[in-house]
Amino acid sequence: YKFSYETMYIGISYLDRYLSTKNGSETLYDRTKFQLVAICTLYIAIKVNEPIGVDIKLLSEISKGSFSEGDIAKVELDILSTLNWRMHPPTVMDFIHHFLSLLPATSTHVLTVEKMLHQLRLQTTIAAMDYFFVEYHPSTIAVASILNMMDSIDHIYIPPCTQRAFFGDIACVGRIDINSKSIRSVRARLNYILQRKITNNLNSERPTSSSEIPTKQQLSVGSGSPVSVCSQVE
């Protein structure tokens, strides 16, 4: 299956919203239940956002018998009821596409747009995987991502005057203060994680000395997430 990035974002949005409710908060203290809820939110997102669905039987098989078809169907209904069947939330990418439409067509080349979207998808993926961003609105993450992305765009393609007008339009249309504390915090967190990924990639490319090879004892030390979706079904 080749599902879109949007489906992943929507599934994570369902998961965050469910966990923030009274009914779903108990899931945070039960790893098995958390994994089941995560599977169900992705299942619902696929139903809502993809032209091709996934058989509930397949999900049960993927879990290697940890969850039956009945388990998945029951929790799916609980999630839908808890969220009052409000299953079409605006995602970060929805806001990004909306805001990018404010750029003058003459200022962007097709290749430039593709480059921008690639960088923006990378940042939104980071935001989707980091709990830090749960408390921030999708529109805030979208604007912060665009601001970060613009820092790396050559002024030949989008001149500073065009950028200023662009962000002025975003502030007006979205009623967003692009200099707010929340946007600055999101920008800083995204940049921090991006730089850390770049550093890790560079380190992985250089030869490893024998003294840096981890010992068997070091490798045996567990460091998995307490809410890993995969650890219980592998």
C-alpha atoms as a PDB file:
ATOM      1  CA  TYR A   1       0.000   0.000   0.000  1.00  0.00           C
ATOM      2  CA  LYS A   2       1.247   3.474  -0.889  1.00  0.00           C
ATOM      3  CA  PHE A   3      -0.633   5.736   1.461  1.00  0.00           C
ATOM      4  CA  SER A   4      -0.170   9.497   1.445  1.00  0.00           C
ATOM      5  CA  TYR A   5       1.589  11.565   4.092  1.00  0.00           C
ATOM      6  CA  GLU A   6      -1.768  13.161   4.825  1.00  0.00           C
ATOM      7  CA  THR A   7      -3.161   9.826   5.972  1.00  0.00           C
ATOM      8  CA  MET A   8      -0.385   9.487   8.540  1.00  0.00           C
ATOM      9  CA  TYR A   9      -0.951  13.053   9.798  1.00  0.00           C
ATOM     10  CA  ILE A  10      -4.687  12.485  10.100  1.00  0.00           C
ATOM     11  CA  GLY A  11      -4.180   9.192  11.942  1.00  0.00           C
ATOM     12  CA  ILE A  12      -1.831  10.833  14.438  1.00  0.00           C
ATOM     13  CA  SER A  13      -4.309  13.694  14.851  1.00  0.00           C
ATOM     14  CA  TYR A  14      -7.043  11.173  15.729  1.00  0.00           C
ATOM     15  CA  LEU A  15      -4.689   9.497  18.199  1.00  0.00           C
ATOM     16  CA  ASP A  16      -3.723  12.774  19.916  1.00  0.00           C
ATOM     17  CA  ARG A  17      -7.319  13.950  20.115  1.00  0.00           C
ATOM     18  CA  TYR A  18      -8.514  10.637  21.539  1.00  0.00           C
ATOM     19  CA  LEU A  19      -5.745  10.487  24.144  1.00  0.00           C
ATOM     20  CA  SER A  20      -6.582  14.027  25.273  1.00  0.00           C
ATOM     21  CA  THR A  21     -10.151  13.000  26.180  1.00  0.00           C
ATOM     22  CA  LYS A  22     -11.242  11.566  29.512  1.00  0.00           C
ATOM     23  CA  ASN A  23     -12.267   8.353  27.798  1.00  0.00           C
ATOM     24  CA  GLY A  24      -8.924   7.934  26.052  1.00  0.00           C
ATOM     25  CA  SER A  25      -6.514   9.208  28.704  1.00  0.00           C
ATOM     26  CA  GLU A  26      -6.397   5.830  30.463  1.00  0.00           C
ATOM     27  CA  THR A  27      -4.825   4.402  27.297  1.00  0.00           C
ATOM     28  CA  LEU A  28      -1.580   6.191  28.169  1.00  0.00           C
ATOM     29  CA  TYR A  29      -1.080   3.811  31.095  1.00  0.00           C
ATOM     30  CA  ASP A  30      -1.644   0.603  29.121  1.00  0.00           C
ATOM     31  CA  ARG A  31       0.903  -0.198  26.407  1.00  0.00           C
ATOM     32  CA  THR A  32      -1.215  -2.916  24.795  1.00  0.00           C
ATOM     33  CA  LYS A  33      -4.289  -0.680  24.668  1.00  0.00           C
ATOM     34  CA  PHE A  34      -2.175   2.153  23.263  1.00  0.00           C
ATOM     35  CA  GLN A  35      -0.974  -0.067  20.425  1.00  0.00           C
ATOM     36  CA  LEU A  36      -4.536  -1.131  19.664  1.00  0.00           C
ATOM     37  CA  VAL A  37      -5.747   2.483  19.630  1.00  0.00           C
ATOM     38  CA  ALA A  38      -2.847   3.497  17.355  1.00  0.00           C
ATOM     39  CA  ILE A  39      -3.760   0.738  14.898  1.00  0.00           C
ATOM     40  CA  CYS A  40      -7.411   1.798  14.965  1.00  0.00           C
ATOM     41  CA  THR A  41      -6.713   5.503  14.398  1.00  0.00           C
ATOM     42  CA  LEU A  42      -4.579   4.641  11.367  1.00  0.00           C
ATOM     43  CA  TYR A  43      -7.337   2.299  10.157  1.00  0.00           C
ATOM     44  CA  ILE A  44      -9.907   5.104  10.434  1.00  0.00           C
ATOM     45  CA  ALA A  45      -7.574   7.578   8.679  1.00  0.00           C
ATOM     46  CA  ILE A  46      -7.158   5.151   5.776  1.00  0.00           C
ATOM     47  CA  LYS A  47     -10.929   4.778   5.507  1.00  0.00           C
ATOM     48  CA  VAL A  48     -11.438   8.538   5.454  1.00  0.00           C
ATOM     49  CA  ASN A  49      -8.518   9.622   3.280  1.00  0.00           C
ATOM     50  CA  GLU A  50      -7.614   6.782   0.908  1.00  0.00           C
ATOM     51  CA  PRO A  51      -9.454   5.482  -2.190  1.00  0.00           C
ATOM     52  CA  ILE A  52      -8.547   1.914  -1.230  1.00  0.00           C
ATOM     53  CA  GLY A  53      -9.365   0.542   2.196  1.00  0.00           C
ATOM     54  CA  VAL A  54      -7.600  -2.038   4.338  1.00  0.00           C
ATOM     55  CA  ASP A  55      -9.375  -5.211   5.434  1.00  0.00           C
ATOM     56  CA  ILE A  56      -9.772  -5.378   9.190  1.00  0.00           C
ATOM     57  CA  LYS A  57      -8.673  -9.008   8.965  1.00  0.00           C
ATOM     58  CA  LEU A  58      -5.307  -7.856   7.582  1.00  0.00           C
ATOM     59  CA  LEU A  59      -4.779  -5.559  10.579  1.00  0.00           C
ATOM     60  CA  SER A  60      -5.415  -8.473  12.904  1.00  0.00           C
ATOM     61  CA  GLU A  61      -2.906 -10.588  10.984  1.00  0.00           C
ATOM     62  CA  ILE A  62      -0.300  -7.797  11.061  1.00  0.00           C
ATOM     63  CA  SER A  63      -0.610  -7.712  14.845  1.00  0.00           C
ATOM     64  CA  LYS A  64       0.214 -11.451  14.772  1.00  0.00           C
ATOM     65  CA  GLY A  65      -2.889 -12.304  16.717  1.00  0.00           C
ATOM     66  CA  SER A  66      -2.404  -9.719  19.447  1.00  0.00           C
ATOM     67  CA  PHE A  67      -5.712  -8.090  18.475  1.00  0.00           C
ATOM     68  CA  SER A  68      -8.749  -9.802  16.996  1.00  0.00           C
ATOM     69  CA  GLU A  69     -11.034  -8.314  14.379  1.00  0.00           C
ATOM     70  CA  GLY A  70     -13.599  -7.813  17.133  1.00  0.00           C
ATOM     71  CA  ASP A  71     -11.089  -5.942  19.299  1.00  0.00           C
ATOM     72  CA  ILE A  72     -10.269  -3.562  16.447  1.00  0.00           C
ATOM     73  CA  ALA A  73     -13.918  -2.979  15.510  1.00  0.00           C
ATOM     74  CA  LYS A  74     -14.888  -2.300  19.134  1.00  0.00           C
ATOM     75  CA  VAL A  75     -12.119   0.234  19.740  1.00  0.00           C
ATOM     76  CA  GLU A  76     -12.758   1.862  16.352  1.00  0.00           C
ATOM     77  CA  LEU A  77     -16.362   2.558  17.367  1.00  0.00           C
ATOM     78  CA  ASP A  78     -15.221   3.861  20.766  1.00  0.00           C
ATOM     79  CA  ILE A  79     -12.811   6.306  19.084  1.00  0.00           C
ATOM     80  CA  LEU A  80     -15.470   7.515  16.648  1.00  0.00           C
ATOM     81  CA  SER A  81     -18.000   8.026  19.447  1.00  0.00           C
ATOM     82  CA  THR A  82     -15.483   9.760  21.727  1.00  0.00           C
ATOM     83  CA  LEU A  83     -14.523  12.190  18.939  1.00  0.00           C
ATOM     84  CA  ASN A  84     -18.224  12.765  18.135  1.00  0.00           C
ATOM     85  CA  TRP A  85     -17.592  11.525  14.579  1.00  0.00           C
ATOM     86  CA  ARG A  86     -15.622  14.684  13.763  1.00  0.00           C
ATOM     87  CA  MET A  87     -13.137  12.993  11.474  1.00  0.00           C
ATOM     88  CA  HIS A  88     -12.032  15.734   9.085  1.00  0.00           C
ATOM     89  CA  PRO A  89      -9.560  17.906  11.040  1.00  0.00           C
ATOM     90  CA  PRO A  90      -7.395  20.415   9.157  1.00  0.00           C
ATOM     91  CA  THR A  91      -3.837  19.052   9.126  1.00  0.00           C
ATOM     92  CA  VAL A  92      -0.510  20.868   9.052  1.00  0.00           C
ATOM     93  CA  MET A  93      -0.185  20.118   5.332  1.00  0.00           C
ATOM     94  CA  ASP A  94      -3.678  21.512   4.705  1.00  0.00           C
ATOM     95  CA  PHE A  95      -2.555  24.834   6.169  1.00  0.00           C
ATOM     96  CA  ILE A  96       0.749  24.696   4.301  1.00  0.00           C
ATOM     97  CA  HIS A  97      -0.974  24.248   0.937  1.00  0.00           C
ATOM     98  CA  HIS A  98      -3.427  27.017   1.833  1.00  0.00           C
ATOM     99  CA  PHE A  99      -0.677  29.446   2.827  1.00  0.00           C
ATOM    100  CA  LEU A 100       1.563  28.621  -0.145  1.00  0.00           C
ATOM    101  CA  SER A 101      -1.306  29.524  -2.455  1.00  0.00           C
ATOM    102  CA  LEU A 102      -0.747  33.132  -1.284  1.00  0.00           C
ATOM    103  CA  LEU A 103       2.661  33.229  -2.971  1.00  0.00           C
ATOM    104  CA  PRO A 104       2.626  35.129  -6.291  1.00  0.00           C
ATOM    105  CA  ALA A 105       2.650  32.603  -9.130  1.00  0.00           C
ATOM    106  CA  THR A 106       5.358  34.567 -10.934  1.00  0.00           C
ATOM    107  CA  SER A 107       7.762  34.217  -8.007  1.00  0.00           C
ATOM    108  CA  THR A 108       7.818  30.421  -7.861  1.00  0.00           C
ATOM    109  CA  HIS A 109       9.176  27.915 -10.338  1.00  0.00           C
ATOM    110  CA  VAL A 110       7.859  24.334 -10.398  1.00  0.00           C
ATOM    111  CA  LEU A 111      11.201  22.999  -9.136  1.00  0.00           C
ATOM    112  CA  THR A 112      11.265  25.617  -6.389  1.00  0.00           C
ATOM    113  CA  VAL A 113       7.784  24.593  -5.235  1.00  0.00           C
ATOM    114  CA  GLU A 114       8.809  20.922  -5.186  1.00  0.00           C
ATOM    115  CA  LYS A 115      11.900  21.775  -3.156  1.00  0.00           C
ATOM    116  CA  MET A 116       9.809  23.781  -0.703  1.00  0.00           C
ATOM    117  CA  LEU A 117       7.259  21.002  -0.301  1.00  0.00           C
ATOM    118  CA  HIS A 118      10.011  18.451   0.286  1.00  0.00           C
ATOM    119  CA  GLN A 119      11.449  20.516   3.141  1.00  0.00           C
ATOM    120  CA  LEU A 120       8.009  21.220   4.555  1.00  0.00           C
ATOM    121  CA  ARG A 121       7.020  17.536   4.518  1.00  0.00           C
ATOM    122  CA  LEU A 122      10.215  16.720   6.380  1.00  0.00           C
ATOM    123  CA  GLN A 123       9.359  19.233   9.096  1.00  0.00           C
ATOM    124  CA  THR A 124       5.737  18.122   9.361  1.00  0.00           C
ATOM    125  CA  THR A 125       6.888  14.520   9.683  1.00  0.00           C
ATOM    126  CA  ILE A 126       9.158  15.572  12.545  1.00  0.00           C
ATOM    127  CA  ALA A 127       6.248  17.400  14.189  1.00  0.00           C
ATOM    128  CA  ALA A 128       4.029  14.344  13.827  1.00  0.00           C
ATOM    129  CA  MET A 129       6.584  12.125  15.564  1.00  0.00           C
ATOM    130  CA  ASP A 130       7.561  14.425  18.451  1.00  0.00           C
ATOM    131  CA  TYR A 131       5.259  14.769  21.462  1.00  0.00           C
ATOM    132  CA  PHE A 132       6.520  18.329  22.000  1.00  0.00           C
ATOM    133  CA  PHE A 133       4.204  19.555  19.222  1.00  0.00           C
ATOM    134  CA  VAL A 134       0.976  18.071  20.589  1.00  0.00           C
ATOM    135  CA  GLU A 135      -0.028  21.295  22.349  1.00  0.00           C
ATOM    136  CA  TYR A 136       0.402  23.469  19.241  1.00  0.00           C
ATOM    137  CA  HIS A 137      -2.222  24.170  16.582  1.00  0.00           C
ATOM    138  CA  PRO A 138      -1.610  22.788  13.064  1.00  0.00           C
ATOM    139  CA  SER A 139      -1.638  26.348  11.710  1.00  0.00           C
ATOM    140  CA  THR A 140       1.160  27.313  14.122  1.00  0.00           C
ATOM    141  CA  ILE A 141       3.320  24.373  13.040  1.00  0.00           C
ATOM    142  CA  ALA A 142       2.584  25.186   9.384  1.00  0.00           C
ATOM    143  CA  VAL A 143       3.702  28.814   9.689  1.00  0.00           C
ATOM    144  CA  ALA A 144       6.800  27.872  11.698  1.00  0.00           C
ATOM    145  CA  SER A 145       7.739  25.287   9.059  1.00  0.00           C
ATOM    146  CA  ILE A 146       7.304  27.804   6.252  1.00  0.00           C
ATOM    147  CA  LEU A 147       9.434  30.375   8.087  1.00  0.00           C
ATOM    148  CA  ASN A 148      12.205  27.814   8.536  1.00  0.00           C
ATOM    149  CA  MET A 149      11.943  26.744   4.926  1.00  0.00           C
ATOM    150  CA  MET A 150      12.162  30.316   3.655  1.00  0.00           C
ATOM    151  CA  ASP A 151      15.472  30.746   5.483  1.00  0.00           C
ATOM    152  CA  SER A 152      16.995  28.171   3.133  1.00  0.00           C
ATOM    153  CA  ILE A 153      15.485  29.459  -0.119  1.00  0.00           C
ATOM    154  CA  ASP A 154      17.800  31.488  -2.362  1.00  0.00           C
ATOM    155  CA  HIS A 155      16.635  35.095  -2.672  1.00  0.00           C
ATOM    156  CA  ILE A 156      16.985  34.750  -6.436  1.00  0.00           C
ATOM    157  CA  TYR A 157      13.849  32.613  -6.434  1.00  0.00           C
ATOM    158  CA  ILE A 158      11.856  34.420  -3.768  1.00  0.00           C
ATOM    159  CA  PRO A 159      13.188  37.943  -3.084  1.00  0.00           C
ATOM    160  CA  PRO A 160      13.003  39.384   0.462  1.00  0.00           C
ATOM    161  CA  CYS A 161      10.310  41.868  -0.599  1.00  0.00           C
ATOM    162  CA  THR A 162       8.152  38.994  -1.863  1.00  0.00           C
ATOM    163  CA  GLN A 163       8.740  37.063   1.341  1.00  0.00           C
ATOM    164  CA  ARG A 164       7.688  40.041   3.466  1.00  0.00           C
ATOM    165  CA  ALA A 165       4.507  40.487   1.440  1.00  0.00           C
ATOM    166  CA  PHE A 166       3.849  36.745   1.631  1.00  0.00           C
ATOM    167  CA  PHE A 167       4.110  36.613   5.420  1.00  0.00           C
ATOM    168  CA  GLY A 168       2.028  39.756   5.661  1.00  0.00           C
ATOM    169  CA  ASP A 169      -0.725  37.969   3.721  1.00  0.00           C
ATOM    170  CA  ILE A 170      -0.458  34.931   6.002  1.00  0.00           C
ATOM    171  CA  ALA A 171      -0.784  37.156   9.074  1.00  0.00           C
ATOM    172  CA  CYS A 172      -3.819  38.864   7.560  1.00  0.00           C
ATOM    173  CA  VAL A 173      -5.635  35.834   6.145  1.00  0.00           C
ATOM    174  CA  GLY A 174      -4.818  33.470   9.006  1.00  0.00           C
ATOM    175  CA  ARG A 175      -4.946  36.119  11.742  1.00  0.00           C
ATOM    176  CA  ILE A 176      -1.623  34.779  12.958  1.00  0.00           C
ATOM    177  CA  ASP A 177       1.177  36.658  14.670  1.00  0.00           C
ATOM    178  CA  ILE A 178       4.234  35.174  12.953  1.00  0.00           C
ATOM    179  CA  ASN A 179       6.450  36.622  15.704  1.00  0.00           C
ATOM    180  CA  SER A 180       4.506  35.014  18.537  1.00  0.00           C
ATOM    181  CA  LYS A 181       6.217  33.026  21.278  1.00  0.00           C
ATOM    182  CA  SER A 182       4.518  29.800  20.190  1.00  0.00           C
ATOM    183  CA  ILE A 183       5.769  30.071  16.604  1.00  0.00           C
ATOM    184  CA  ARG A 184       9.279  30.890  17.813  1.00  0.00           C
ATOM    185  CA  SER A 185       9.213  27.825  20.080  1.00  0.00           C
ATOM    186  CA  VAL A 186       8.047  25.550  17.275  1.00  0.00           C
ATOM    187  CA  ARG A 187      10.656  26.938  14.887  1.00  0.00           C
ATOM    188  CA  ALA A 188      13.422  26.373  17.422  1.00  0.00           C
ATOM    189  CA  ARG A 189      12.340  22.798  18.129  1.00  0.00           C
ATOM    190  CA  LEU A 190      12.074  21.928  14.423  1.00  0.00           C
ATOM    191  CA  ASN A 191      15.503  23.423  13.710  1.00  0.00           C
ATOM    192  CA  TYR A 192      17.037  21.600  16.644  1.00  0.00           C
ATOM    193  CA  ILE A 193      15.754  18.207  15.474  1.00  0.00           C
ATOM    194  CA  LEU A 194      16.725  18.899  11.855  1.00  0.00           C
ATOM    195  CA  GLN A 195      20.272  19.813  12.861  1.00  0.00           C
ATOM    196  CA  ARG A 196      20.520  16.734  15.051  1.00  0.00           C
ATOM    197  CA  LYS A 197      19.406  14.534  12.147  1.00  0.00           C
ATOM    198  CA  ILE A 198      21.993  16.127   9.866  1.00  0.00           C
ATOM    199  CA  THR A 199      24.720  15.595  12.471  1.00  0.00           C
ATOM    200  CA  ASN A 200      23.696  11.970  12.990  1.00  0.00           C
ATOM    201  CA  ASN A 201      23.725  11.352   9.239  1.00  0.00           C
ATOM    202  CA  LEU A 202      27.209  12.841   8.932  1.00  0.00           C
ATOM    203  CA  ASN A 203      28.465  10.739  11.832  1.00  0.00           C
ATOM    204  CA  SER A 204      26.993   7.573  10.336  1.00  0.00           C
ATOM    205  CA  GLU A 205      28.879   8.188   7.102  1.00  0.00           C
ATOM    206  CA  ARG A 206      32.346   8.375   8.672  1.00  0.00           C
ATOM    207  CA  PRO A 207      34.328   5.167   9.414  1.00  0.00           C
ATOM    208  CA  THR A 208      33.816   3.724  12.884  1.00  0.00           C
ATOM    209  CA  SER A 209      36.886   2.939  14.948  1.00  0.00           C
ATOM    210  CA  SER A 210      37.064  -0.280  16.927  1.00  0.00           C
ATOM    211  CA  SER A 211      36.875   1.683  20.184  1.00  0.00           C
ATOM    212  CA  GLU A 212      33.493   3.104  19.135  1.00  0.00           C
ATOM    213  CA  ILE A 213      31.877  -0.267  18.428  1.00  0.00           C
ATOM    214  CA  PRO A 214      29.289  -0.915  21.175  1.00  0.00           C
ATOM    215  CA  THR A 215      29.804  -3.948  23.378  1.00  0.00           C
ATOM    216  CA  LYS A 216      27.299  -6.775  23.687  1.00  0.00           C
ATOM    217  CA  GLN A 217      26.371  -5.492  27.157  1.00  0.00           C
ATOM    218  CA  GLN A 218      25.694  -2.008  25.783  1.00  0.00           C
ATOM    219  CA  LEU A 219      23.539  -3.381  23.002  1.00  0.00           C
ATOM    220  CA  SER A 220      21.487  -5.382  25.474  1.00  0.00           C
ATOM    221  CA  VAL A 221      20.429  -2.291  27.430  1.00  0.00           C
ATOM    222  CA  GLY A 222      16.814  -1.556  26.502  1.00  0.00           C
ATOM    223  CA  SER A 223      15.955   1.939  25.326  1.00  0.00           C
ATOM    224  CA  GLY A 224      12.625   1.426  23.601  1.00  0.00           C
ATOM    225  CA  SER A 225       9.732   3.810  23.986  1.00  0.00           C
ATOM    226  CA  PRO A 226       7.216   2.777  26.671  1.00  0.00           C
ATOM    227  CA  VAL A 227       4.443   3.382  24.151  1.00  0.00           C
ATOM    228  CA  SER A 228       6.033   1.754  21.086  1.00  0.00           C
ATOM    229  CA  VAL A 229       3.316   0.561  18.738  1.00  0.00           C
ATOM    230  CA  CYS A 230       5.450  -2.243  17.318  1.00  0.00           C
ATOM    231  CA  SER A 231       7.236  -3.746  20.309  1.00  0.00           C
ATOM    232  CA  GLN A 232       4.328  -5.923  21.415  1.00  0.00           C
ATOM    233  CA  VAL A 233       3.333  -7.238  18.017  1.00  0.00           C
ATOM    234  CA  GLU A 234       6.732  -8.244  16.603  1.00  0.00           C
END
